[in-house]
């Protein structure tokens, strides 16, 4: 009866993983060979692991990942197209996020920038950081809508709280005046406080022209580029390469695999 009461109290205290581990100990005679301290330690470890896994699931859900991308899935045996293994391993530690530095992934369409950006976001989440991935067009749309419904300040605050903000496909079109101002506001809140990862087809040297207004371009690049690691990817589109190598009967299935949460395309 005392054991059942203990399980009930642990559940009431929202220590459900500990309660489950306690029940497992009661039903397994092997645990009787352990000391009291060891058994209590196992109970605490079970609860701690459960809560950490729940936090990780919440961070991954919040990150808005569209692909099952992971740095462990990079195929280093294929041509690297400018991807330096030592640099990737260094960035995988997350030290650049702790130092509030940025990361720019530059290269032609189809080279794997979006996949790699989400792989860094996934690693950040597993390292305990919060992340949010969003296409540049969707980010600017969110900010435009926020201006209209009065939630602009709250939206900026939400973005500022993210340890890592991944802006995908930035620079597909020249920035409009509202987009220039909005992007500067986002970067101003994050400058030297959080990290931003940009994927873009446009070389960094052409960003001033893309942004448009020289004064705002200087301010944006100053906050984004000067503290950034830059990875420039080169080579043909991997989508095109795979399409050529795919038999006609398998083309539809392969396209679906690439568009969904498939494996590494690097």
C-alpha atoms as a PDB file:
ATOM      1  CA  UNK A   1       0.000   0.000   0.000  1.00  0.00           C
ATOM      2  CA  UNK A   2       2.859   2.379   0.789  1.00  0.00           C
ATOM      3  CA  UNK A   3       4.366   1.778  -2.656  1.00  0.00           C
ATOM      4  CA  UNK A   4       1.059   2.520  -4.401  1.00  0.00           C
ATOM      5  CA  UNK A   5       0.670   5.710  -2.389  1.00  0.00           C
ATOM      6  CA  UNK A   6       4.181   6.758  -3.379  1.00  0.00           C
ATOM      7  CA  UNK A   7       3.414   6.183  -7.068  1.00  0.00           C
ATOM      8  CA  UNK A   8       0.210   8.227  -6.760  1.00  0.00           C
ATOM      9  CA  UNK A   9       2.040  11.085  -5.065  1.00  0.00           C
ATOM     10  CA  UNK A  10       4.799  11.103  -7.682  1.00  0.00           C
ATOM     11  CA  UNK A  11       2.147  11.281 -10.414  1.00  0.00           C
ATOM     12  CA  UNK A  12       0.376  14.111  -8.588  1.00  0.00           C
ATOM     13  CA  UNK A  13       3.680  15.985  -8.452  1.00  0.00           C
ATOM     14  CA  UNK A  14       3.979  15.488 -12.254  1.00  0.00           C
ATOM     15  CA  UNK A  15       6.981  13.180 -11.761  1.00  0.00           C
ATOM     16  CA  UNK A  16       5.498  10.539 -14.028  1.00  0.00           C
ATOM     17  CA  UNK A  17       8.786   9.214 -15.389  1.00  0.00           C
ATOM     18  CA  UNK A  18      10.058   8.793 -11.843  1.00  0.00           C
ATOM     19  CA  UNK A  19       6.831   7.028 -10.882  1.00  0.00           C
ATOM     20  CA  UNK A  20       7.201   4.626 -13.817  1.00  0.00           C
ATOM     21  CA  UNK A  21      10.842   3.952 -12.946  1.00  0.00           C
ATOM     22  CA  UNK A  22       9.835   3.354  -9.316  1.00  0.00           C
ATOM     23  CA  UNK A  23       7.285   0.770 -10.399  1.00  0.00           C
ATOM     24  CA  UNK A  24       9.902  -0.929 -12.568  1.00  0.00           C
ATOM     25  CA  UNK A  25      12.234  -1.154  -9.592  1.00  0.00           C
ATOM     26  CA  UNK A  26       9.503  -2.699  -7.467  1.00  0.00           C
ATOM     27  CA  UNK A  27       8.911  -5.396 -10.050  1.00  0.00           C
ATOM     28  CA  UNK A  28      12.563  -6.260 -10.671  1.00  0.00           C
ATOM     29  CA  UNK A  29      14.504  -8.076  -7.925  1.00  0.00           C
ATOM     30  CA  UNK A  30      17.823  -7.050  -9.499  1.00  0.00           C
ATOM     31  CA  UNK A  31      17.369  -3.531  -8.092  1.00  0.00           C
ATOM     32  CA  UNK A  32      17.435  -4.892  -4.522  1.00  0.00           C
ATOM     33  CA  UNK A  33      21.163  -5.479  -4.956  1.00  0.00           C
ATOM     34  CA  UNK A  34      21.755  -1.747  -5.420  1.00  0.00           C
ATOM     35  CA  UNK A  35      22.328   0.711  -2.616  1.00  0.00           C
ATOM     36  CA  UNK A  36      19.666   3.217  -1.614  1.00  0.00           C
ATOM     37  CA  UNK A  37      21.698   6.059  -3.164  1.00  0.00           C
ATOM     38  CA  UNK A  38      22.025   4.207  -6.474  1.00  0.00           C
ATOM     39  CA  UNK A  39      18.316   3.447  -6.661  1.00  0.00           C
ATOM     40  CA  UNK A  40      17.370   7.036  -5.930  1.00  0.00           C
ATOM     41  CA  UNK A  41      19.901   8.171  -8.516  1.00  0.00           C
ATOM     42  CA  UNK A  42      18.294   5.956 -11.154  1.00  0.00           C
ATOM     43  CA  UNK A  43      14.885   7.423 -10.355  1.00  0.00           C
ATOM     44  CA  UNK A  44      16.200  10.968 -10.679  1.00  0.00           C
ATOM     45  CA  UNK A  45      17.999  10.103 -13.921  1.00  0.00           C
ATOM     46  CA  UNK A  46      14.774   8.702 -15.390  1.00  0.00           C
ATOM     47  CA  UNK A  47      12.859  11.894 -14.620  1.00  0.00           C
ATOM     48  CA  UNK A  48      15.670  14.138 -15.820  1.00  0.00           C
ATOM     49  CA  UNK A  49      16.023  12.225 -19.118  1.00  0.00           C
ATOM     50  CA  UNK A  50      12.271  12.351 -19.692  1.00  0.00           C
ATOM     51  CA  UNK A  51      12.149  16.113 -19.170  1.00  0.00           C
ATOM     52  CA  UNK A  52      15.183  16.754 -21.364  1.00  0.00           C
ATOM     53  CA  UNK A  53      13.665  14.694 -24.178  1.00  0.00           C
ATOM     54  CA  UNK A  54      10.408  16.604 -23.836  1.00  0.00           C
ATOM     55  CA  UNK A  55      12.290  19.911 -24.044  1.00  0.00           C
ATOM     56  CA  UNK A  56      14.135  18.677 -27.130  1.00  0.00           C
ATOM     57  CA  UNK A  57      10.894  17.672 -28.844  1.00  0.00           C
ATOM     58  CA  UNK A  58       9.489  21.111 -28.080  1.00  0.00           C
ATOM     59  CA  UNK A  59      12.593  22.850 -29.475  1.00  0.00           C
ATOM     60  CA  UNK A  60      12.518  20.731 -32.647  1.00  0.00           C
ATOM     61  CA  UNK A  61       8.816  21.449 -33.141  1.00  0.00           C
ATOM     62  CA  UNK A  62       9.386  25.158 -32.570  1.00  0.00           C
ATOM     63  CA  UNK A  63      12.274  25.159 -35.080  1.00  0.00           C
ATOM     64  CA  UNK A  64       9.795  24.632 -37.946  1.00  0.00           C
ATOM     65  CA  UNK A  65      12.045  22.091 -39.688  1.00  0.00           C
ATOM     66  CA  UNK A  66      10.759  20.868 -43.050  1.00  0.00           C
ATOM     67  CA  UNK A  67      13.404  18.182 -43.602  1.00  0.00           C
ATOM     68  CA  UNK A  68      14.960  15.367 -41.615  1.00  0.00           C
ATOM     69  CA  UNK A  69      18.362  17.004 -41.897  1.00  0.00           C
ATOM     70  CA  UNK A  70      21.302  16.119 -39.667  1.00  0.00           C
ATOM     71  CA  UNK A  71      24.984  16.970 -39.884  1.00  0.00           C
ATOM     72  CA  UNK A  72      25.757  13.295 -39.247  1.00  0.00           C
ATOM     73  CA  UNK A  73      24.145  12.448 -42.593  1.00  0.00           C
ATOM     74  CA  UNK A  74      26.568  14.466 -44.721  1.00  0.00           C
ATOM     75  CA  UNK A  75      28.228  12.166 -47.250  1.00  0.00           C
ATOM     76  CA  UNK A  76      31.874  13.185 -47.091  1.00  0.00           C
ATOM     77  CA  UNK A  77      32.826  10.681 -49.808  1.00  0.00           C
ATOM     78  CA  UNK A  78      31.097  12.740 -52.497  1.00  0.00           C
ATOM     79  CA  UNK A  79      32.696  15.887 -53.993  1.00  0.00           C
ATOM     80  CA  UNK A  80      32.436  18.587 -51.358  1.00  0.00           C
ATOM     81  CA  UNK A  81      31.594  21.549 -53.593  1.00  0.00           C
ATOM     82  CA  UNK A  82      33.370  23.941 -51.209  1.00  0.00           C
ATOM     83  CA  UNK A  83      32.211  22.322 -47.960  1.00  0.00           C
ATOM     84  CA  UNK A  84      35.157  22.144 -45.565  1.00  0.00           C
ATOM     85  CA  UNK A  85      34.958  19.157 -43.209  1.00  0.00           C
ATOM     86  CA  UNK A  86      37.049  20.733 -40.462  1.00  0.00           C
ATOM     87  CA  UNK A  87      34.959  23.909 -40.483  1.00  0.00           C
ATOM     88  CA  UNK A  88      31.678  21.982 -40.381  1.00  0.00           C
ATOM     89  CA  UNK A  89      32.904  19.916 -37.439  1.00  0.00           C
ATOM     90  CA  UNK A  90      33.965  23.096 -35.666  1.00  0.00           C
ATOM     91  CA  UNK A  91      30.581  24.730 -36.278  1.00  0.00           C
ATOM     92  CA  UNK A  92      28.831  21.541 -35.133  1.00  0.00           C
ATOM     93  CA  UNK A  93      30.056  22.196 -31.589  1.00  0.00           C
ATOM     94  CA  UNK A  94      27.734  25.205 -31.407  1.00  0.00           C
ATOM     95  CA  UNK A  95      30.479  27.513 -30.155  1.00  0.00           C
ATOM     96  CA  UNK A  96      29.567  30.054 -32.843  1.00  0.00           C
ATOM     97  CA  UNK A  97      26.047  30.252 -31.417  1.00  0.00           C
ATOM     98  CA  UNK A  98      27.374  30.693 -27.891  1.00  0.00           C
ATOM     99  CA  UNK A  99      29.561  33.520 -29.261  1.00  0.00           C
ATOM    100  CA  UNK A 100      26.565  35.077 -31.080  1.00  0.00           C
ATOM    101  CA  UNK A 101      28.249  34.841 -34.470  1.00  0.00           C
ATOM    102  CA  UNK A 102      26.453  34.357 -37.783  1.00  0.00           C
ATOM    103  CA  UNK A 103      26.720  31.815 -40.593  1.00  0.00           C
ATOM    104  CA  UNK A 104      26.175  32.502 -44.296  1.00  0.00           C
ATOM    105  CA  UNK A 105      25.623  29.638 -46.757  1.00  0.00           C
ATOM    106  CA  UNK A 106      26.098  30.915 -50.298  1.00  0.00           C
ATOM    107  CA  UNK A 107      25.692  28.948 -53.512  1.00  0.00           C
ATOM    108  CA  UNK A 108      23.573  28.201 -56.584  1.00  0.00           C
ATOM    109  CA  UNK A 109      20.112  26.706 -56.426  1.00  0.00           C
ATOM    110  CA  UNK A 110      19.870  22.999 -55.691  1.00  0.00           C
ATOM    111  CA  UNK A 111      23.319  22.756 -54.107  1.00  0.00           C
ATOM    112  CA  UNK A 112      21.930  21.849 -50.660  1.00  0.00           C
ATOM    113  CA  UNK A 113      21.976  25.157 -48.781  1.00  0.00           C
ATOM    114  CA  UNK A 114      18.499  24.762 -47.274  1.00  0.00           C
ATOM    115  CA  UNK A 115      19.229  21.200 -46.161  1.00  0.00           C
ATOM    116  CA  UNK A 116      22.492  22.269 -44.546  1.00  0.00           C
ATOM    117  CA  UNK A 117      20.850  25.249 -42.848  1.00  0.00           C
ATOM    118  CA  UNK A 118      18.229  23.003 -41.269  1.00  0.00           C
ATOM    119  CA  UNK A 119      20.923  20.494 -40.281  1.00  0.00           C
ATOM    120  CA  UNK A 120      22.669  23.242 -38.308  1.00  0.00           C
ATOM    121  CA  UNK A 121      19.326  24.192 -36.744  1.00  0.00           C
ATOM    122  CA  UNK A 122      18.686  20.573 -35.783  1.00  0.00           C
ATOM    123  CA  UNK A 123      22.129  20.339 -34.169  1.00  0.00           C
ATOM    124  CA  UNK A 124      21.478  23.607 -32.315  1.00  0.00           C
ATOM    125  CA  UNK A 125      18.251  22.191 -30.883  1.00  0.00           C
ATOM    126  CA  UNK A 126      20.052  19.048 -29.741  1.00  0.00           C
ATOM    127  CA  UNK A 127      22.691  21.228 -28.084  1.00  0.00           C
ATOM    128  CA  UNK A 128      20.063  23.008 -26.015  1.00  0.00           C
ATOM    129  CA  UNK A 129      19.565  26.118 -28.168  1.00  0.00           C
ATOM    130  CA  UNK A 130      16.280  27.384 -29.550  1.00  0.00           C
ATOM    131  CA  UNK A 131      15.992  27.789 -33.322  1.00  0.00           C
ATOM    132  CA  UNK A 132      13.485  28.948 -35.912  1.00  0.00           C
ATOM    133  CA  UNK A 133      13.714  28.288 -39.664  1.00  0.00           C
ATOM    134  CA  UNK A 134      11.767  30.420 -42.111  1.00  0.00           C
ATOM    135  CA  UNK A 135      11.951  31.330 -45.781  1.00  0.00           C
ATOM    136  CA  UNK A 136      12.779  34.995 -46.326  1.00  0.00           C
ATOM    137  CA  UNK A 137       9.536  35.623 -48.226  1.00  0.00           C
ATOM    138  CA  UNK A 138       7.503  34.087 -45.391  1.00  0.00           C
ATOM    139  CA  UNK A 139       9.415  36.104 -42.783  1.00  0.00           C
ATOM    140  CA  UNK A 140       8.692  39.366 -44.583  1.00  0.00           C
ATOM    141  CA  UNK A 141       5.038  38.341 -44.969  1.00  0.00           C
ATOM    142  CA  UNK A 142       4.774  37.600 -41.243  1.00  0.00           C
ATOM    143  CA  UNK A 143       6.213  41.006 -40.399  1.00  0.00           C
ATOM    144  CA  UNK A 144       3.912  42.727 -42.904  1.00  0.00           C
ATOM    145  CA  UNK A 145       0.858  41.055 -41.376  1.00  0.00           C
ATOM    146  CA  UNK A 146       2.124  41.865 -37.877  1.00  0.00           C
ATOM    147  CA  UNK A 147       2.293  45.551 -38.752  1.00  0.00           C
ATOM    148  CA  UNK A 148      -1.341  45.441 -39.776  1.00  0.00           C
ATOM    149  CA  UNK A 149      -2.774  43.544 -36.803  1.00  0.00           C
ATOM    150  CA  UNK A 150      -0.760  45.288 -34.096  1.00  0.00           C
ATOM    151  CA  UNK A 151       1.484  42.331 -33.219  1.00  0.00           C
ATOM    152  CA  UNK A 152       4.656  43.732 -34.817  1.00  0.00           C
ATOM    153  CA  UNK A 153       6.473  44.347 -31.531  1.00  0.00           C
ATOM    154  CA  UNK A 154       5.543  40.899 -30.203  1.00  0.00           C
ATOM    155  CA  UNK A 155       6.703  39.255 -33.436  1.00  0.00           C
ATOM    156  CA  UNK A 156      10.070  41.013 -33.253  1.00  0.00           C
ATOM    157  CA  UNK A 157      10.402  39.988 -29.607  1.00  0.00           C
ATOM    158  CA  UNK A 158       9.649  36.357 -30.476  1.00  0.00           C
ATOM    159  CA  UNK A 159      12.313  36.351 -33.201  1.00  0.00           C
ATOM    160  CA  UNK A 160      14.814  38.072 -30.918  1.00  0.00           C
ATOM    161  CA  UNK A 161      14.454  35.329 -28.289  1.00  0.00           C
ATOM    162  CA  UNK A 162      15.583  32.603 -30.704  1.00  0.00           C
ATOM    163  CA  UNK A 163      19.205  31.574 -30.172  1.00  0.00           C
ATOM    164  CA  UNK A 164      19.412  30.767 -33.893  1.00  0.00           C
ATOM    165  CA  UNK A 165      17.298  32.286 -36.667  1.00  0.00           C
ATOM    166  CA  UNK A 166      17.630  30.565 -40.061  1.00  0.00           C
ATOM    167  CA  UNK A 167      16.479  32.726 -42.980  1.00  0.00           C
ATOM    168  CA  UNK A 168      16.301  30.555 -46.094  1.00  0.00           C
ATOM    169  CA  UNK A 169      16.417  31.719 -49.734  1.00  0.00           C
ATOM    170  CA  UNK A 170      17.274  35.281 -48.831  1.00  0.00           C
ATOM    171  CA  UNK A 171      17.723  37.634 -51.770  1.00  0.00           C
ATOM    172  CA  UNK A 172      15.613  35.941 -54.439  1.00  0.00           C
ATOM    173  CA  UNK A 173      14.293  39.422 -55.250  1.00  0.00           C
ATOM    174  CA  UNK A 174      15.481  42.937 -54.387  1.00  0.00           C
ATOM    175  CA  UNK A 175      14.202  44.112 -51.013  1.00  0.00           C
ATOM    176  CA  UNK A 176      11.353  46.587 -50.898  1.00  0.00           C
ATOM    177  CA  UNK A 177      11.517  49.586 -48.595  1.00  0.00           C
ATOM    178  CA  UNK A 178       9.386  47.946 -45.847  1.00  0.00           C
ATOM    179  CA  UNK A 179      11.435  44.741 -46.122  1.00  0.00           C
ATOM    180  CA  UNK A 180      14.698  46.661 -45.711  1.00  0.00           C
ATOM    181  CA  UNK A 181      13.439  48.338 -42.547  1.00  0.00           C
ATOM    182  CA  UNK A 182      11.930  45.123 -41.167  1.00  0.00           C
ATOM    183  CA  UNK A 183      15.095  43.120 -41.750  1.00  0.00           C
ATOM    184  CA  UNK A 184      17.200  45.767 -40.062  1.00  0.00           C
ATOM    185  CA  UNK A 185      14.874  45.691 -37.052  1.00  0.00           C
ATOM    186  CA  UNK A 186      15.239  41.915 -36.825  1.00  0.00           C
ATOM    187  CA  UNK A 187      19.028  42.085 -37.047  1.00  0.00           C
ATOM    188  CA  UNK A 188      19.290  45.005 -34.641  1.00  0.00           C
ATOM    189  CA  UNK A 189      17.496  42.991 -31.956  1.00  0.00           C
ATOM    190  CA  UNK A 190      19.815  40.033 -32.561  1.00  0.00           C
ATOM    191  CA  UNK A 191      23.145  41.799 -33.099  1.00  0.00           C
ATOM    192  CA  UNK A 192      25.722  40.492 -30.575  1.00  0.00           C
ATOM    193  CA  UNK A 193      22.864  38.769 -28.704  1.00  0.00           C
ATOM    194  CA  UNK A 194      21.961  35.816 -30.939  1.00  0.00           C
ATOM    195  CA  UNK A 195      23.030  34.073 -34.142  1.00  0.00           C
ATOM    196  CA  UNK A 196      21.529  34.328 -37.618  1.00  0.00           C
ATOM    197  CA  UNK A 197      22.042  31.839 -40.447  1.00  0.00           C
ATOM    198  CA  UNK A 198      21.352  33.002 -44.008  1.00  0.00           C
ATOM    199  CA  UNK A 199      21.122  30.860 -47.135  1.00  0.00           C
ATOM    200  CA  UNK A 200      21.319  32.762 -50.399  1.00  0.00           C
ATOM    201  CA  UNK A 201      22.108  32.356 -54.078  1.00  0.00           C
ATOM    202  CA  UNK A 202      23.498  35.895 -54.151  1.00  0.00           C
ATOM    203  CA  UNK A 203      27.221  36.437 -53.398  1.00  0.00           C
ATOM    204  CA  UNK A 204      27.829  38.593 -50.334  1.00  0.00           C
ATOM    205  CA  UNK A 205      29.563  41.259 -52.422  1.00  0.00           C
ATOM    206  CA  UNK A 206      26.284  41.845 -54.299  1.00  0.00           C
ATOM    207  CA  UNK A 207      24.136  42.279 -51.182  1.00  0.00           C
ATOM    208  CA  UNK A 208      24.418  46.073 -51.112  1.00  0.00           C
ATOM    209  CA  UNK A 209      22.830  46.294 -54.553  1.00  0.00           C
ATOM    210  CA  UNK A 210      20.195  43.730 -53.553  1.00  0.00           C
ATOM    211  CA  UNK A 211      19.215  45.651 -50.413  1.00  0.00           C
ATOM    212  CA  UNK A 212      18.947  48.870 -52.362  1.00  0.00           C
ATOM    213  CA  UNK A 213      19.324  51.837 -50.049  1.00  0.00           C
ATOM    214  CA  UNK A 214      23.046  52.404 -49.285  1.00  0.00           C
ATOM    215  CA  UNK A 215      22.588  53.556 -45.695  1.00  0.00           C
ATOM    216  CA  UNK A 216      20.365  50.637 -44.745  1.00  0.00           C
ATOM    217  CA  UNK A 217      22.544  48.243 -46.740  1.00  0.00           C
ATOM    218  CA  UNK A 218      25.579  49.324 -44.721  1.00  0.00           C
ATOM    219  CA  UNK A 219      23.678  48.865 -41.457  1.00  0.00           C
ATOM    220  CA  UNK A 220      22.345  45.410 -42.422  1.00  0.00           C
ATOM    221  CA  UNK A 221      25.670  44.086 -43.684  1.00  0.00           C
ATOM    222  CA  UNK A 222      27.520  45.506 -40.686  1.00  0.00           C
ATOM    223  CA  UNK A 223      25.288  43.514 -38.322  1.00  0.00           C
ATOM    224  CA  UNK A 224      25.190  40.394 -40.455  1.00  0.00           C
ATOM    225  CA  UNK A 225      28.421  39.892 -42.389  1.00  0.00           C
ATOM    226  CA  UNK A 226      31.286  41.156 -40.257  1.00  0.00           C
ATOM    227  CA  UNK A 227      30.846  38.547 -37.510  1.00  0.00           C
ATOM    228  CA  UNK A 228      29.885  35.699 -39.835  1.00  0.00           C
ATOM    229  CA  UNK A 229      31.404  32.457 -40.997  1.00  0.00           C
ATOM    230  CA  UNK A 230      30.903  32.194 -44.757  1.00  0.00           C
ATOM    231  CA  UNK A 231      30.589  28.885 -46.609  1.00  0.00           C
ATOM    232  CA  UNK A 232      30.500  29.202 -50.399  1.00  0.00           C
ATOM    233  CA  UNK A 233      29.152  26.084 -52.094  1.00  0.00           C
ATOM    234  CA  UNK A 234      29.857  25.391 -55.750  1.00  0.00           C
ATOM    235  CA  UNK A 235      28.795  22.940 -58.405  1.00  0.00           C
ATOM    236  CA  UNK A 236      25.736  21.874 -60.412  1.00  0.00           C
ATOM    237  CA  UNK A 237      22.265  21.475 -58.942  1.00  0.00           C
ATOM    238  CA  UNK A 238      22.024  18.210 -57.024  1.00  0.00           C
ATOM    239  CA  UNK A 239      18.361  17.969 -57.981  1.00  0.00           C
ATOM    240  CA  UNK A 240      19.312  18.079 -61.663  1.00  0.00           C
ATOM    241  CA  UNK A 241      22.099  15.553 -61.139  1.00  0.00           C
ATOM    242  CA  UNK A 242      19.747  13.138 -59.402  1.00  0.00           C
ATOM    243  CA  UNK A 243      17.062  13.623 -62.028  1.00  0.00           C
ATOM    244  CA  UNK A 244      19.500  12.667 -64.803  1.00  0.00           C
ATOM    245  CA  UNK A 245      20.633   9.594 -62.893  1.00  0.00           C
ATOM    246  CA  UNK A 246      17.087   8.416 -62.179  1.00  0.00           C
ATOM    247  CA  UNK A 247      15.331   5.946 -64.435  1.00  0.00           C
ATOM    248  CA  UNK A 248      12.016   7.218 -65.896  1.00  0.00           C
ATOM    249  CA  UNK A 249      10.025   4.670 -63.863  1.00  0.00           C
ATOM    250  CA  UNK A 250      11.559   5.940 -60.624  1.00  0.00           C
ATOM    251  CA  UNK A 251      11.495   9.669 -61.377  1.00  0.00           C
ATOM    252  CA  UNK A 252       8.239  10.404 -59.581  1.00  0.00           C
ATOM    253  CA  UNK A 253       9.267   8.464 -56.483  1.00  0.00           C
ATOM    254  CA  UNK A 254      12.667  10.165 -56.343  1.00  0.00           C
ATOM    255  CA  UNK A 255      11.139  13.628 -56.693  1.00  0.00           C
ATOM    256  CA  UNK A 256       8.776  12.878 -53.833  1.00  0.00           C
ATOM    257  CA  UNK A 257      11.709  11.707 -51.719  1.00  0.00           C
ATOM    258  CA  UNK A 258      13.664  14.897 -52.353  1.00  0.00           C
ATOM    259  CA  UNK A 259      10.678  17.121 -51.619  1.00  0.00           C
ATOM    260  CA  UNK A 260       9.865  15.371 -48.380  1.00  0.00           C
ATOM    261  CA  UNK A 261      11.933  14.615 -45.316  1.00  0.00           C
ATOM    262  CA  UNK A 262      14.522  12.598 -47.162  1.00  0.00           C
ATOM    263  CA  UNK A 263      18.172  11.963 -46.474  1.00  0.00           C
ATOM    264  CA  UNK A 264      21.160  14.182 -47.038  1.00  0.00           C
ATOM    265  CA  UNK A 265      21.485  15.806 -50.450  1.00  0.00           C
ATOM    266  CA  UNK A 266      25.030  16.971 -49.902  1.00  0.00           C
END
